[in-house]
């Protein structure tokens, strides 16, 4: 038996984690508190969905998937940059008991083919500009049943996302989820030491992560009325759970950007009066050093979370001094 004297305990109160709550239920359990609040915005076009509209869209797409033959445990690959369509598809898949695996939009045909095969995905959702890569990959990986396409263009052998969105939602049904056993997401490692590898995360794993964010004193709370800029990729677990799901479950507005562009990023922060930013250290260096910062009003920014790599104390202090906000460092 372990010697209890040798166990190092955290000074904070234990975080309570629901025993059997699905990730979908956890993210949207408070939606009735802010039904008309803007949930998600396309930072470039300005298109937006309220929380009620987002839930309705998720249910319509989920219903359409069920009508296509998608069943609990089926795997859909999300292959594309951040977008409202990406988010709706992600939550629709999880809501009906499916598994979402996400791929870097910069992947080559060979790389996306490898992930599809390794994950055993039978559905894929992708923007129109990546369809040609998917079709090339599908020539060797023949298990794909459906290709869902975001945007407008040649839809031959594909299904337009807007057609799913037009579904009446009448087939939508929440399945019974065993939170500790049922896989929710299958993100892939960066492939530093070889080909990327899938990481099986259950609904319980993801709910626990959300609870950790809410129950840790030094992780500043998200407030109803907050606005978070989602420029870090949704295909990565940081963007997927911490930014997208973590913000929505607390009533924040998520502003999506497909990629980092310095001027667009600053313009979006100013336009939407962002209160919280999630970044990596290279963006912190940009905040500390780039003269472009002075052209924009960033006074709405209350706190910045920097993660994925170490952040020096000097750089942290430089950004705090320049932007007059709180910096939180996490790995």
Protein backbone atom coordinates (compact mmCIF):
# COMPACT_ATOMS: atom_id res chain seq x y z
CA UNK A 1 0.00 0.00 0.00
CA UNK A 2 1.32 3.45 -0.92
CA UNK A 3 2.75 5.57 1.85
CA UNK A 4 0.37 8.55 2.03
CA UNK A 5 3.21 10.69 3.34
CA UNK A 6 4.89 10.41 -0.07
CA UNK A 7 1.92 11.76 -2.01
CA UNK A 8 2.14 15.42 -2.99
CA UNK A 9 -1.26 17.08 -3.04
CA UNK A 10 -2.42 20.24 -4.76
CA UNK A 11 -3.31 23.01 -2.28
CA UNK A 12 -6.62 23.65 -4.04
CA UNK A 13 -9.94 21.93 -3.45
CA UNK A 14 -10.55 18.80 -5.53
CA UNK A 15 -12.42 19.51 -8.76
CA UNK A 16 -15.82 17.82 -8.95
CA UNK A 17 -16.32 15.94 -12.22
CA UNK A 18 -19.76 14.64 -13.28
CA UNK A 19 -19.68 10.85 -13.49
CA UNK A 20 -21.67 10.36 -16.67
CA UNK A 21 -22.26 13.58 -18.59
CA UNK A 22 -21.67 13.78 -22.33
CA UNK A 23 -19.38 16.50 -23.61
CA UNK A 24 -22.21 17.95 -25.71
CA UNK A 25 -24.46 18.22 -22.65
CA UNK A 26 -21.68 19.87 -20.64
CA UNK A 27 -20.92 22.50 -23.25
CA UNK A 28 -24.53 23.56 -23.78
CA UNK A 29 -26.08 22.92 -20.36
CA UNK A 30 -26.41 26.65 -19.62
CA UNK A 31 -27.66 27.77 -23.02
CA UNK A 32 -31.10 28.76 -21.67
CA UNK A 33 -29.40 31.46 -19.62
CA UNK A 34 -28.29 33.38 -22.72
CA UNK A 35 -30.37 32.18 -25.73
CA UNK A 36 -30.11 35.42 -27.72
CA UNK A 37 -26.48 36.11 -27.01
CA UNK A 38 -24.09 35.77 -29.96
CA UNK A 39 -22.33 32.41 -29.61
CA UNK A 40 -20.03 32.35 -32.62
CA UNK A 41 -18.95 34.83 -35.27
CA UNK A 42 -16.94 34.55 -38.47
CA UNK A 43 -14.37 37.24 -37.76
CA UNK A 44 -13.77 37.96 -41.45
CA UNK A 45 -17.30 38.02 -42.90
CA UNK A 46 -19.22 38.96 -39.74
CA UNK A 47 -21.71 36.08 -40.06
CA UNK A 48 -22.95 35.05 -36.63
CA UNK A 49 -25.16 32.62 -34.71
CA UNK A 50 -26.86 33.19 -31.38
CA UNK A 51 -26.76 30.35 -28.86
CA UNK A 52 -30.28 29.30 -29.86
CA UNK A 53 -29.39 29.41 -33.56
CA UNK A 54 -26.22 27.40 -32.93
CA UNK A 55 -28.11 24.69 -31.04
CA UNK A 56 -30.74 24.55 -33.80
CA UNK A 57 -28.03 24.27 -36.47
CA UNK A 58 -26.29 21.47 -34.56
CA UNK A 59 -29.57 19.56 -34.25
CA UNK A 60 -30.41 19.99 -37.94
CA UNK A 61 -26.98 18.81 -39.06
CA UNK A 62 -27.08 15.96 -36.54
CA UNK A 63 -30.47 14.92 -37.89
CA UNK A 64 -29.17 15.04 -41.46
CA UNK A 65 -26.19 12.86 -40.51
CA UNK A 66 -28.53 10.27 -38.99
CA UNK A 67 -30.55 10.23 -42.22
CA UNK A 68 -27.31 9.64 -44.15
CA UNK A 69 -26.73 6.51 -42.08
CA UNK A 70 -24.29 7.92 -39.52
CA UNK A 71 -24.53 5.88 -36.31
CA UNK A 72 -23.08 6.00 -32.82
CA UNK A 73 -19.34 5.28 -32.92
CA UNK A 74 -18.88 6.33 -36.55
CA UNK A 75 -15.89 8.58 -37.15
CA UNK A 76 -15.92 11.86 -39.07
CA UNK A 77 -12.74 13.73 -39.97
CA UNK A 78 -12.80 17.53 -39.84
CA UNK A 79 -10.18 18.72 -42.32
CA UNK A 80 -10.03 22.48 -42.59
CA UNK A 81 -9.31 25.82 -40.89
CA UNK A 82 -11.45 27.38 -38.16
CA UNK A 83 -14.97 28.22 -39.29
CA UNK A 84 -18.54 28.29 -38.03
CA UNK A 85 -19.27 25.25 -40.20
CA UNK A 86 -16.38 23.37 -38.55
CA UNK A 87 -17.83 24.08 -35.10
CA UNK A 88 -21.40 23.10 -36.03
CA UNK A 89 -20.22 19.83 -37.58
CA UNK A 90 -18.02 19.04 -34.59
CA UNK A 91 -20.84 19.41 -32.07
CA UNK A 92 -23.36 17.64 -34.32
CA UNK A 93 -21.11 14.58 -34.55
CA UNK A 94 -20.56 14.46 -30.78
CA UNK A 95 -24.24 15.07 -30.04
CA UNK A 96 -25.35 11.97 -31.97
CA UNK A 97 -22.66 9.76 -30.43
CA UNK A 98 -20.08 9.97 -33.19
CA UNK A 99 -16.34 10.50 -32.90
CA UNK A 100 -14.62 13.58 -34.33
CA UNK A 101 -11.05 13.34 -35.56
CA UNK A 102 -9.47 16.58 -36.74
CA UNK A 103 -6.71 17.16 -39.28
CA UNK A 104 -4.37 20.02 -40.07
CA UNK A 105 -5.58 21.85 -43.22
CA UNK A 106 -1.93 22.05 -44.33
CA UNK A 107 -1.70 18.27 -44.60
CA UNK A 108 -0.69 16.82 -47.94
CA UNK A 109 -2.81 14.22 -49.71
CA UNK A 110 -0.60 11.49 -48.25
CA UNK A 111 -0.90 12.87 -44.71
CA UNK A 112 -4.69 13.16 -44.77
CA UNK A 113 -4.92 9.71 -46.32
CA UNK A 114 -2.79 8.33 -43.46
CA UNK A 115 -5.02 9.90 -40.81
CA UNK A 116 -8.24 8.75 -42.46
CA UNK A 117 -6.92 5.19 -42.60
CA UNK A 118 -5.41 5.22 -39.11
CA UNK A 119 -8.57 6.66 -37.55
CA UNK A 120 -10.84 4.42 -39.65
CA UNK A 121 -12.92 7.46 -40.59
CA UNK A 122 -15.92 6.91 -42.85
CA UNK A 123 -17.02 10.55 -43.23
CA UNK A 124 -15.08 13.74 -43.83
CA UNK A 125 -16.06 17.43 -43.75
CA UNK A 126 -13.85 19.94 -45.53
CA UNK A 127 -13.95 23.35 -47.25
CA UNK A 128 -14.26 23.47 -51.03
CA UNK A 129 -10.58 24.41 -51.48
CA UNK A 130 -9.43 21.10 -49.96
CA UNK A 131 -11.85 18.79 -51.77
CA UNK A 132 -9.34 17.87 -54.48
CA UNK A 133 -6.90 16.57 -51.85
CA UNK A 134 -9.67 14.56 -50.19
CA UNK A 135 -10.73 13.02 -53.50
CA UNK A 136 -7.12 12.08 -54.25
CA UNK A 137 -6.79 10.49 -50.80
CA UNK A 138 -10.08 8.64 -51.33
CA UNK A 139 -8.66 6.86 -54.37
CA UNK A 140 -6.42 4.83 -52.04
CA UNK A 141 -8.52 5.00 -48.88
CA UNK A 142 -11.81 3.57 -50.09
CA UNK A 143 -13.81 3.48 -46.82
CA UNK A 144 -15.08 7.05 -47.09
CA UNK A 145 -18.87 6.98 -47.40
CA UNK A 146 -19.55 10.71 -47.66
CA UNK A 147 -17.60 13.91 -48.29
CA UNK A 148 -19.29 16.96 -46.74
CA UNK A 149 -18.22 20.27 -48.29
CA UNK A 150 -18.26 23.75 -46.73
CA UNK A 151 -18.71 26.56 -49.24
CA UNK A 152 -19.74 26.78 -52.88
CA UNK A 153 -18.27 25.12 -55.95
CA UNK A 154 -18.11 21.75 -57.67
CA UNK A 155 -20.08 19.37 -55.43
CA UNK A 156 -19.85 16.30 -57.68
CA UNK A 157 -19.66 13.14 -55.55
CA UNK A 158 -20.01 15.33 -52.43
CA UNK A 159 -22.72 16.67 -50.14
CA UNK A 160 -23.09 20.41 -49.62
CA UNK A 161 -23.04 21.39 -45.94
CA UNK A 162 -25.86 23.86 -46.56
CA UNK A 163 -28.10 20.94 -47.54
CA UNK A 164 -27.48 19.38 -44.12
CA UNK A 165 -28.17 22.72 -42.47
CA UNK A 166 -31.55 22.85 -44.23
CA UNK A 167 -32.69 19.61 -42.61
CA UNK A 168 -35.81 19.87 -40.43
CA UNK A 169 -34.03 18.32 -37.45
CA UNK A 170 -36.76 15.72 -37.00
CA UNK A 171 -34.38 12.74 -36.78
CA UNK A 172 -32.14 14.31 -34.14
CA UNK A 173 -31.89 12.20 -31.01
CA UNK A 174 -29.36 12.17 -28.19
CA UNK A 175 -28.06 8.62 -27.68
CA UNK A 176 -27.14 7.05 -24.37
CA UNK A 177 -23.51 7.93 -23.68
CA UNK A 178 -21.19 6.03 -21.36
CA UNK A 179 -18.97 9.00 -20.58
CA UNK A 180 -16.02 6.98 -19.29
CA UNK A 181 -16.03 4.47 -22.14
CA UNK A 182 -17.32 6.22 -25.25
CA UNK A 183 -14.69 8.02 -27.32
CA UNK A 184 -15.63 11.62 -28.18
CA UNK A 185 -12.62 12.95 -30.08
CA UNK A 186 -9.57 11.49 -31.75
CA UNK A 187 -7.02 14.30 -32.15
CA UNK A 188 -3.62 13.48 -33.60
CA UNK A 189 -0.16 14.15 -32.23
CA UNK A 190 2.18 16.47 -34.11
CA UNK A 191 4.25 13.61 -35.50
CA UNK A 192 7.58 14.86 -34.14
CA UNK A 193 9.06 11.36 -33.82
CA UNK A 194 7.19 9.72 -36.68
CA UNK A 195 3.76 9.78 -38.27
CA UNK A 196 1.03 11.47 -36.16
CA UNK A 197 -0.75 9.15 -33.73
CA UNK A 198 -4.38 9.27 -32.61
CA UNK A 199 -5.21 10.07 -28.99
CA UNK A 200 -8.49 8.53 -27.79
CA UNK A 201 -10.31 10.93 -25.47
CA UNK A 202 -13.64 10.02 -23.89
CA UNK A 203 -16.53 12.32 -23.04
CA UNK A 204 -15.43 12.04 -19.41
CA UNK A 205 -11.89 13.18 -20.33
CA UNK A 206 -13.20 16.31 -22.02
CA UNK A 207 -15.75 17.14 -19.33
CA UNK A 208 -12.99 16.73 -16.73
CA UNK A 209 -10.84 19.22 -18.66
CA UNK A 210 -13.68 21.76 -18.73
CA UNK A 211 -14.24 21.29 -14.99
CA UNK A 212 -10.51 21.77 -14.34
CA UNK A 213 -10.63 25.10 -16.17
CA UNK A 214 -13.59 26.25 -14.09
CA UNK A 215 -12.39 24.87 -10.75
CA UNK A 216 -8.81 26.14 -10.69
CA UNK A 217 -8.41 29.51 -8.90
CA UNK A 218 -5.51 30.77 -11.00
CA UNK A 219 -7.35 30.05 -14.28
CA UNK A 220 -9.34 33.26 -14.54
CA UNK A 221 -13.08 32.66 -15.05
CA UNK A 222 -14.86 33.27 -18.32
CA UNK A 223 -17.66 35.80 -17.87
CA UNK A 224 -20.98 36.01 -19.70
CA UNK A 225 -20.32 38.86 -22.10
CA UNK A 226 -16.73 37.84 -22.80
CA UNK A 227 -15.44 37.73 -26.35
CA UNK A 228 -12.68 35.26 -27.26
CA UNK A 229 -10.72 35.30 -30.52
CA UNK A 230 -10.23 31.80 -31.93
CA UNK A 231 -7.20 32.04 -34.18
CA UNK A 232 -5.42 28.99 -32.75
CA UNK A 233 -6.60 25.99 -34.78
CA UNK A 234 -9.67 23.98 -33.83
CA UNK A 235 -7.96 20.85 -35.13
CA UNK A 236 -5.64 21.08 -32.11
CA UNK A 237 -7.01 20.19 -28.68
CA UNK A 238 -6.09 23.67 -27.37
CA UNK A 239 -8.40 25.35 -29.87
CA UNK A 240 -11.01 22.61 -29.79
CA UNK A 241 -11.61 22.23 -26.06
CA UNK A 242 -10.05 25.21 -24.28
CA UNK A 243 -11.11 27.96 -26.71
CA UNK A 244 -14.18 26.71 -28.59
CA UNK A 245 -15.91 24.46 -26.05
CA UNK A 246 -14.53 26.18 -22.96
CA UNK A 247 -15.82 29.55 -24.10
CA UNK A 248 -19.24 28.35 -25.22
CA UNK A 249 -19.97 26.50 -21.99
CA UNK A 250 -19.65 29.79 -20.09
CA UNK A 251 -21.60 32.02 -22.46
CA UNK A 252 -18.72 33.72 -24.26
CA UNK A 253 -18.77 34.84 -27.89
CA UNK A 254 -16.24 32.97 -30.03
CA UNK A 255 -14.85 34.90 -33.00
CA UNK A 256 -13.27 32.55 -35.52
CA UNK A 257 -10.33 33.27 -37.79
CA UNK A 258 -9.06 30.77 -40.39
CA UNK A 259 -5.41 31.62 -39.81
CA UNK A 260 -3.15 34.23 -38.23
CA UNK A 261 -2.72 37.43 -40.19
CA UNK A 262 -1.29 40.24 -38.07
CA UNK A 263 -3.39 43.13 -39.39
CA UNK A 264 -6.59 41.08 -39.57
CA UNK A 265 -6.00 39.76 -36.07
CA UNK A 266 -5.58 43.22 -34.56
CA UNK A 267 -8.54 44.53 -36.54
CA UNK A 268 -10.76 41.69 -35.27
CA UNK A 269 -9.68 42.29 -31.65
CA UNK A 270 -10.57 45.97 -32.01
CA UNK A 271 -13.83 45.43 -33.93
CA UNK A 272 -15.30 42.83 -31.58
CA UNK A 273 -13.78 44.29 -28.39
CA UNK A 274 -12.16 41.00 -27.45
CA UNK A 275 -11.73 40.44 -23.72
CA UNK A 276 -9.60 37.28 -23.82
CA UNK A 277 -6.92 36.06 -26.21
CA UNK A 278 -5.44 32.58 -26.43
CA UNK A 279 -2.02 32.58 -28.06
CA UNK A 280 1.38 30.91 -28.31
CA UNK A 281 4.69 32.66 -27.43
CA UNK A 282 5.41 33.90 -31.00
CA UNK A 283 2.25 36.03 -30.81
CA UNK A 284 3.36 37.30 -27.40
CA UNK A 285 6.60 38.46 -29.02
CA UNK A 286 4.51 40.22 -31.67
CA UNK A 287 2.50 41.99 -28.94
CA UNK A 288 5.68 43.05 -27.15
CA UNK A 289 7.72 44.29 -30.11
CA UNK A 290 5.68 45.13 -33.21
CA UNK A 291 4.98 48.84 -33.81
CA UNK A 292 1.74 47.87 -35.60
CA UNK A 293 0.17 47.36 -32.16
CA UNK A 294 -0.01 51.13 -31.62
CA UNK A 295 -2.42 51.57 -34.55
CA UNK A 296 -5.20 49.58 -32.88
CA UNK A 297 -7.36 49.96 -29.79
CA UNK A 298 -6.72 46.83 -27.71
CA UNK A 299 -7.95 48.25 -24.40
CA UNK A 300 -10.80 45.73 -24.24
CA UNK A 301 -8.33 42.88 -23.71
CA UNK A 302 -8.51 41.82 -20.06
CA UNK A 303 -6.33 38.72 -20.10
CA UNK A 304 -4.14 36.65 -22.41
CA UNK A 305 -3.46 32.94 -22.06
CA UNK A 306 -0.16 31.80 -23.55
CA UNK A 307 0.40 28.08 -24.00
CA UNK A 308 2.06 25.30 -26.04
CA UNK A 309 5.62 26.46 -25.29
CA UNK A 310 7.55 28.19 -22.47
CA UNK A 311 7.06 31.92 -22.00
CA UNK A 312 9.92 33.92 -20.51
CA UNK A 313 9.27 36.19 -17.55
CA UNK A 314 10.75 39.11 -19.48
CA UNK A 315 8.36 38.63 -22.40
CA UNK A 316 5.39 38.23 -20.07
CA UNK A 317 6.22 41.49 -18.28
CA UNK A 318 6.77 43.32 -21.57
CA UNK A 319 3.29 42.39 -22.84
CA UNK A 320 1.65 43.14 -19.49
CA UNK A 321 3.27 46.57 -19.47
CA UNK A 322 2.32 47.37 -23.05
CA UNK A 323 -1.26 46.06 -23.12
CA UNK A 324 -2.12 46.60 -19.45
CA UNK A 325 -3.66 43.14 -19.07
CA UNK A 326 -3.13 39.93 -17.10
CA UNK A 327 -0.98 37.16 -18.61
CA UNK A 328 -1.53 33.51 -17.73
CA UNK A 329 1.09 30.96 -18.74
CA UNK A 330 0.16 27.31 -19.24
CA UNK A 331 1.61 24.31 -21.02
